[in-house]
Amino acid sequence: MRRLFKCRKALSPVVAAIILIAVTVAVSIAVAAWMGALTFTFMKTEELKITNLEFYTSGSNYLNVTVTNPGTSKVTVSTVRVNDVAITTTITGSLEWAAGNSHEIMFAYAWVSGNKYKVTLLSASGTTVAAYESTA
């Protein structure tokens, strides 16, 4: 029986080192791929910036909102709110902003001089992508 155990050979140190290096490289590649996918998911956040809010009177009262997309992906707004109430009137101007673009939207709103108004833009997913407060 003693002879049986003496004849057994373990892995050589060179083979063991090669196996450890191969396993380490495989795990690091898997982690790098996972982190890369995670990074691209976070980079596609929707963000708009309202740079100006103007109050106009032309027969009826209007709000003119200047919006810029500082991000890297296109943003589409589904809802415009003023003081947490959704606008149901016709909105003039596109509600889509390509990356880096800026343009204005205009809509009828019965504002009163001296009052504060907060304009909030919501994306199709319901998240707030921009908010701005100004006094008429």
C-alpha atoms as a PDB file:
ATOM      1  CA  MET A   1       0.000   0.000   0.000  1.00  0.00           C
ATOM      2  CA  ARG A   2       2.838   2.361   0.712  1.00  0.00           C
ATOM      3  CA  ARG A   3       4.128   1.871  -2.760  1.00  0.00           C
ATOM      4  CA  LEU A   4       0.777   3.007  -4.225  1.00  0.00           C
ATOM      5  CA  PHE A   5       1.038   6.433  -2.580  1.00  0.00           C
ATOM      6  CA  LYS A   6       4.671   6.877  -3.522  1.00  0.00           C
ATOM      7  CA  CYS A   7       3.945   6.457  -7.227  1.00  0.00           C
ATOM      8  CA  ARG A   8       1.356   9.267  -7.319  1.00  0.00           C
ATOM      9  CA  LYS A   9       2.600  12.506  -8.753  1.00  0.00           C
ATOM     10  CA  ALA A  10       1.089  15.927  -8.167  1.00  0.00           C
ATOM     11  CA  LEU A  11       0.842  18.697 -10.757  1.00  0.00           C
ATOM     12  CA  SER A  12       4.133  20.289 -11.464  1.00  0.00           C
ATOM     13  CA  PRO A  13       4.533  23.898 -10.281  1.00  0.00           C
ATOM     14  CA  VAL A  14       4.747  25.111 -13.902  1.00  0.00           C
ATOM     15  CA  VAL A  15       1.411  23.507 -14.883  1.00  0.00           C
ATOM     16  CA  ALA A  16      -0.242  24.839 -11.707  1.00  0.00           C
ATOM     17  CA  ALA A  17       0.990  28.366 -12.455  1.00  0.00           C
ATOM     18  CA  ILE A  18      -0.303  28.207 -16.039  1.00  0.00           C
ATOM     19  CA  ILE A  19      -3.738  27.066 -14.828  1.00  0.00           C
ATOM     20  CA  LEU A  20      -3.906  29.882 -12.245  1.00  0.00           C
ATOM     21  CA  ILE A  21      -2.922  32.488 -14.834  1.00  0.00           C
ATOM     22  CA  ALA A  22      -5.541  31.184 -17.305  1.00  0.00           C
ATOM     23  CA  VAL A  23      -8.283  31.304 -14.665  1.00  0.00           C
ATOM     24  CA  THR A  24      -7.256  34.850 -13.626  1.00  0.00           C
ATOM     25  CA  VAL A  25      -7.297  36.089 -17.221  1.00  0.00           C
ATOM     26  CA  ALA A  26     -10.711  34.494 -17.883  1.00  0.00           C
ATOM     27  CA  VAL A  27     -12.245  36.090 -14.759  1.00  0.00           C
ATOM     28  CA  SER A  28     -10.755  39.507 -15.560  1.00  0.00           C
ATOM     29  CA  ILE A  29     -12.162  39.392 -19.110  1.00  0.00           C
ATOM     30  CA  ALA A  30     -15.620  38.531 -17.743  1.00  0.00           C
ATOM     31  CA  VAL A  31     -15.472  41.392 -15.216  1.00  0.00           C
ATOM     32  CA  ALA A  32     -14.272  43.863 -17.871  1.00  0.00           C
ATOM     33  CA  ALA A  33     -17.133  42.902 -20.203  1.00  0.00           C
ATOM     34  CA  TRP A  34     -19.671  43.285 -17.411  1.00  0.00           C
ATOM     35  CA  MET A  35     -18.309  46.700 -16.374  1.00  0.00           C
ATOM     36  CA  GLY A  36     -18.248  47.874 -19.979  1.00  0.00           C
ATOM     37  CA  ALA A  37     -21.925  47.009 -20.428  1.00  0.00           C
ATOM     38  CA  LEU A  38     -22.727  48.726 -17.152  1.00  0.00           C
ATOM     39  CA  THR A  39     -20.904  51.892 -18.224  1.00  0.00           C
ATOM     40  CA  PHE A  40     -22.808  52.165 -21.507  1.00  0.00           C
ATOM     41  CA  THR A  41     -26.104  51.771 -19.626  1.00  0.00           C
ATOM     42  CA  PHE A  42     -25.283  54.699 -17.339  1.00  0.00           C
ATOM     43  CA  MET A  43     -24.088  56.917 -20.179  1.00  0.00           C
ATOM     44  CA  LYS A  44     -27.519  56.966 -21.835  1.00  0.00           C
ATOM     45  CA  THR A  45     -29.180  59.113 -19.185  1.00  0.00           C
ATOM     46  CA  GLU A  46     -31.741  61.634 -20.350  1.00  0.00           C
ATOM     47  CA  GLU A  47     -31.030  65.230 -19.449  1.00  0.00           C
ATOM     48  CA  LEU A  48     -32.303  68.574 -20.669  1.00  0.00           C
ATOM     49  CA  LYS A  49     -31.572  72.069 -19.428  1.00  0.00           C
ATOM     50  CA  ILE A  50     -34.074  74.901 -19.537  1.00  0.00           C
ATOM     51  CA  THR A  51     -32.010  78.010 -20.198  1.00  0.00           C
ATOM     52  CA  ASN A  52     -34.776  80.629 -20.405  1.00  0.00           C
ATOM     53  CA  LEU A  53     -38.462  81.091 -19.623  1.00  0.00           C
ATOM     54  CA  GLU A  54     -40.237  84.082 -21.149  1.00  0.00           C
ATOM     55  CA  PHE A  55     -43.763  85.337 -20.526  1.00  0.00           C
ATOM     56  CA  TYR A  56     -45.584  86.791 -23.560  1.00  0.00           C
ATOM     57  CA  THR A  57     -48.925  88.514 -24.065  1.00  0.00           C
ATOM     58  CA  SER A  58     -50.293  88.433 -27.606  1.00  0.00           C
ATOM     59  CA  GLY A  59     -54.078  88.295 -27.485  1.00  0.00           C
ATOM     60  CA  SER A  60     -53.665  85.662 -24.760  1.00  0.00           C
ATOM     61  CA  ASN A  61     -50.797  84.757 -22.457  1.00  0.00           C
ATOM     62  CA  TYR A  62     -48.018  82.431 -23.627  1.00  0.00           C
ATOM     63  CA  LEU A  63     -44.935  80.836 -22.142  1.00  0.00           C
ATOM     64  CA  ASN A  64     -41.826  80.501 -24.294  1.00  0.00           C
ATOM     65  CA  VAL A  65     -39.323  77.921 -22.987  1.00  0.00           C
ATOM     66  CA  THR A  66     -35.763  77.605 -24.352  1.00  0.00           C
ATOM     67  CA  VAL A  67     -34.385  74.091 -23.858  1.00  0.00           C
ATOM     68  CA  THR A  68     -30.917  72.632 -24.509  1.00  0.00           C
ATOM     69  CA  ASN A  69     -29.812  68.986 -24.562  1.00  0.00           C
ATOM     70  CA  PRO A  70     -26.307  68.881 -22.998  1.00  0.00           C
ATOM     71  CA  GLY A  71     -26.212  65.075 -23.054  1.00  0.00           C
ATOM     72  CA  THR A  72     -25.020  62.500 -25.550  1.00  0.00           C
ATOM     73  CA  SER A  73     -28.342  60.934 -26.519  1.00  0.00           C
ATOM     74  CA  LYS A  74     -31.645  62.139 -27.990  1.00  0.00           C
ATOM     75  CA  VAL A  75     -34.347  63.104 -25.475  1.00  0.00           C
ATOM     76  CA  THR A  76     -38.088  63.092 -26.157  1.00  0.00           C
ATOM     77  CA  VAL A  77     -40.440  64.917 -23.793  1.00  0.00           C
ATOM     78  CA  SER A  78     -43.902  63.465 -23.332  1.00  0.00           C
ATOM     79  CA  THR A  79     -45.326  65.875 -20.738  1.00  0.00           C
ATOM     80  CA  VAL A  80     -44.847  69.558 -19.989  1.00  0.00           C
ATOM     81  CA  ARG A  81     -46.018  70.725 -16.556  1.00  0.00           C
ATOM     82  CA  VAL A  82     -46.407  74.196 -15.109  1.00  0.00           C
ATOM     83  CA  ASN A  83     -46.665  74.284 -11.301  1.00  0.00           C
ATOM     84  CA  ASP A  84     -47.197  70.480 -11.351  1.00  0.00           C
ATOM     85  CA  VAL A  85     -50.197  70.692 -13.730  1.00  0.00           C
ATOM     86  CA  ALA A  86     -49.853  69.048 -17.151  1.00  0.00           C
ATOM     87  CA  ILE A  87     -50.267  71.338 -20.164  1.00  0.00           C
ATOM     88  CA  THR A  88     -53.183  70.251 -22.347  1.00  0.00           C
ATOM     89  CA  THR A  89     -53.018  73.106 -24.858  1.00  0.00           C
ATOM     90  CA  THR A  90     -51.169  72.855 -28.166  1.00  0.00           C
ATOM     91  CA  ILE A  91     -47.417  73.096 -27.811  1.00  0.00           C
ATOM     92  CA  THR A  92     -45.623  74.840 -30.669  1.00  0.00           C
ATOM     93  CA  GLY A  93     -42.191  73.403 -31.371  1.00  0.00           C
ATOM     94  CA  SER A  94     -40.718  69.925 -31.354  1.00  0.00           C
ATOM     95  CA  LEU A  95     -40.553  67.953 -28.121  1.00  0.00           C
ATOM     96  CA  GLU A  96     -37.454  66.072 -29.314  1.00  0.00           C
ATOM     97  CA  TRP A  97     -33.910  67.276 -28.726  1.00  0.00           C
ATOM     98  CA  ALA A  98     -30.918  65.641 -30.381  1.00  0.00           C
ATOM     99  CA  ALA A  99     -27.661  65.614 -28.431  1.00  0.00           C
ATOM    100  CA  GLY A 100     -26.240  69.135 -28.213  1.00  0.00           C
ATOM    101  CA  ASN A 101     -29.280  70.822 -29.805  1.00  0.00           C
ATOM    102  CA  SER A 102     -31.294  73.725 -28.465  1.00  0.00           C
ATOM    103  CA  HIS A 103     -34.688  75.098 -29.483  1.00  0.00           C
ATOM    104  CA  GLU A 104     -37.833  76.707 -28.077  1.00  0.00           C
ATOM    105  CA  ILE A 105     -41.306  75.469 -27.297  1.00  0.00           C
ATOM    106  CA  MET A 106     -44.289  77.761 -26.790  1.00  0.00           C
ATOM    107  CA  PHE A 107     -47.752  77.160 -25.338  1.00  0.00           C
ATOM    108  CA  ALA A 108     -50.727  79.139 -24.068  1.00  0.00           C
ATOM    109  CA  TYR A 109     -50.829  79.585 -20.306  1.00  0.00           C
ATOM    110  CA  ALA A 110     -52.806  82.044 -18.183  1.00  0.00           C
ATOM    111  CA  TRP A 111     -49.961  83.530 -16.144  1.00  0.00           C
ATOM    112  CA  VAL A 112     -50.259  86.440 -13.733  1.00  0.00           C
ATOM    113  CA  SER A 113     -47.556  89.076 -13.420  1.00  0.00           C
ATOM    114  CA  GLY A 114     -45.573  88.780 -10.172  1.00  0.00           C
ATOM    115  CA  ASN A 115     -46.332  85.085  -9.593  1.00  0.00           C
ATOM    116  CA  LYS A 116     -43.708  82.331  -9.659  1.00  0.00           C
ATOM    117  CA  TYR A 117     -44.032  79.542 -12.225  1.00  0.00           C
ATOM    118  CA  LYS A 118     -42.124  76.279 -12.350  1.00  0.00           C
ATOM    119  CA  VAL A 119     -41.884  74.500 -15.718  1.00  0.00           C
ATOM    120  CA  THR A 120     -41.061  70.786 -15.572  1.00  0.00           C
ATOM    121  CA  LEU A 121     -40.347  68.507 -18.553  1.00  0.00           C
ATOM    122  CA  LEU A 122     -40.986  64.771 -18.240  1.00  0.00           C
ATOM    123  CA  SER A 123     -39.701  62.022 -20.533  1.00  0.00           C
ATOM    124  CA  ALA A 124     -41.777  59.130 -21.845  1.00  0.00           C
ATOM    125  CA  SER A 125     -40.595  57.031 -18.882  1.00  0.00           C
ATOM    126  CA  GLY A 126     -42.057  59.620 -16.490  1.00  0.00           C
ATOM    127  CA  THR A 127     -38.749  60.902 -15.139  1.00  0.00           C
ATOM    128  CA  THR A 128     -38.104  64.612 -14.774  1.00  0.00           C
ATOM    129  CA  VAL A 129     -35.506  65.650 -17.351  1.00  0.00           C
ATOM    130  CA  ALA A 130     -35.583  69.419 -16.718  1.00  0.00           C
ATOM    131  CA  ALA A 131     -37.077  71.948 -14.335  1.00  0.00           C
ATOM    132  CA  TYR A 132     -36.914  75.736 -14.209  1.00  0.00           C
ATOM    133  CA  GLU A 133     -38.561  78.370 -12.025  1.00  0.00           C
ATOM    134  CA  SER A 134     -39.120  82.020 -12.878  1.00  0.00           C
ATOM    135  CA  THR A 135     -41.276  84.966 -11.878  1.00  0.00           C
ATOM    136  CA  ALA A 136     -43.641  86.477 -14.448  1.00  0.00           C
END
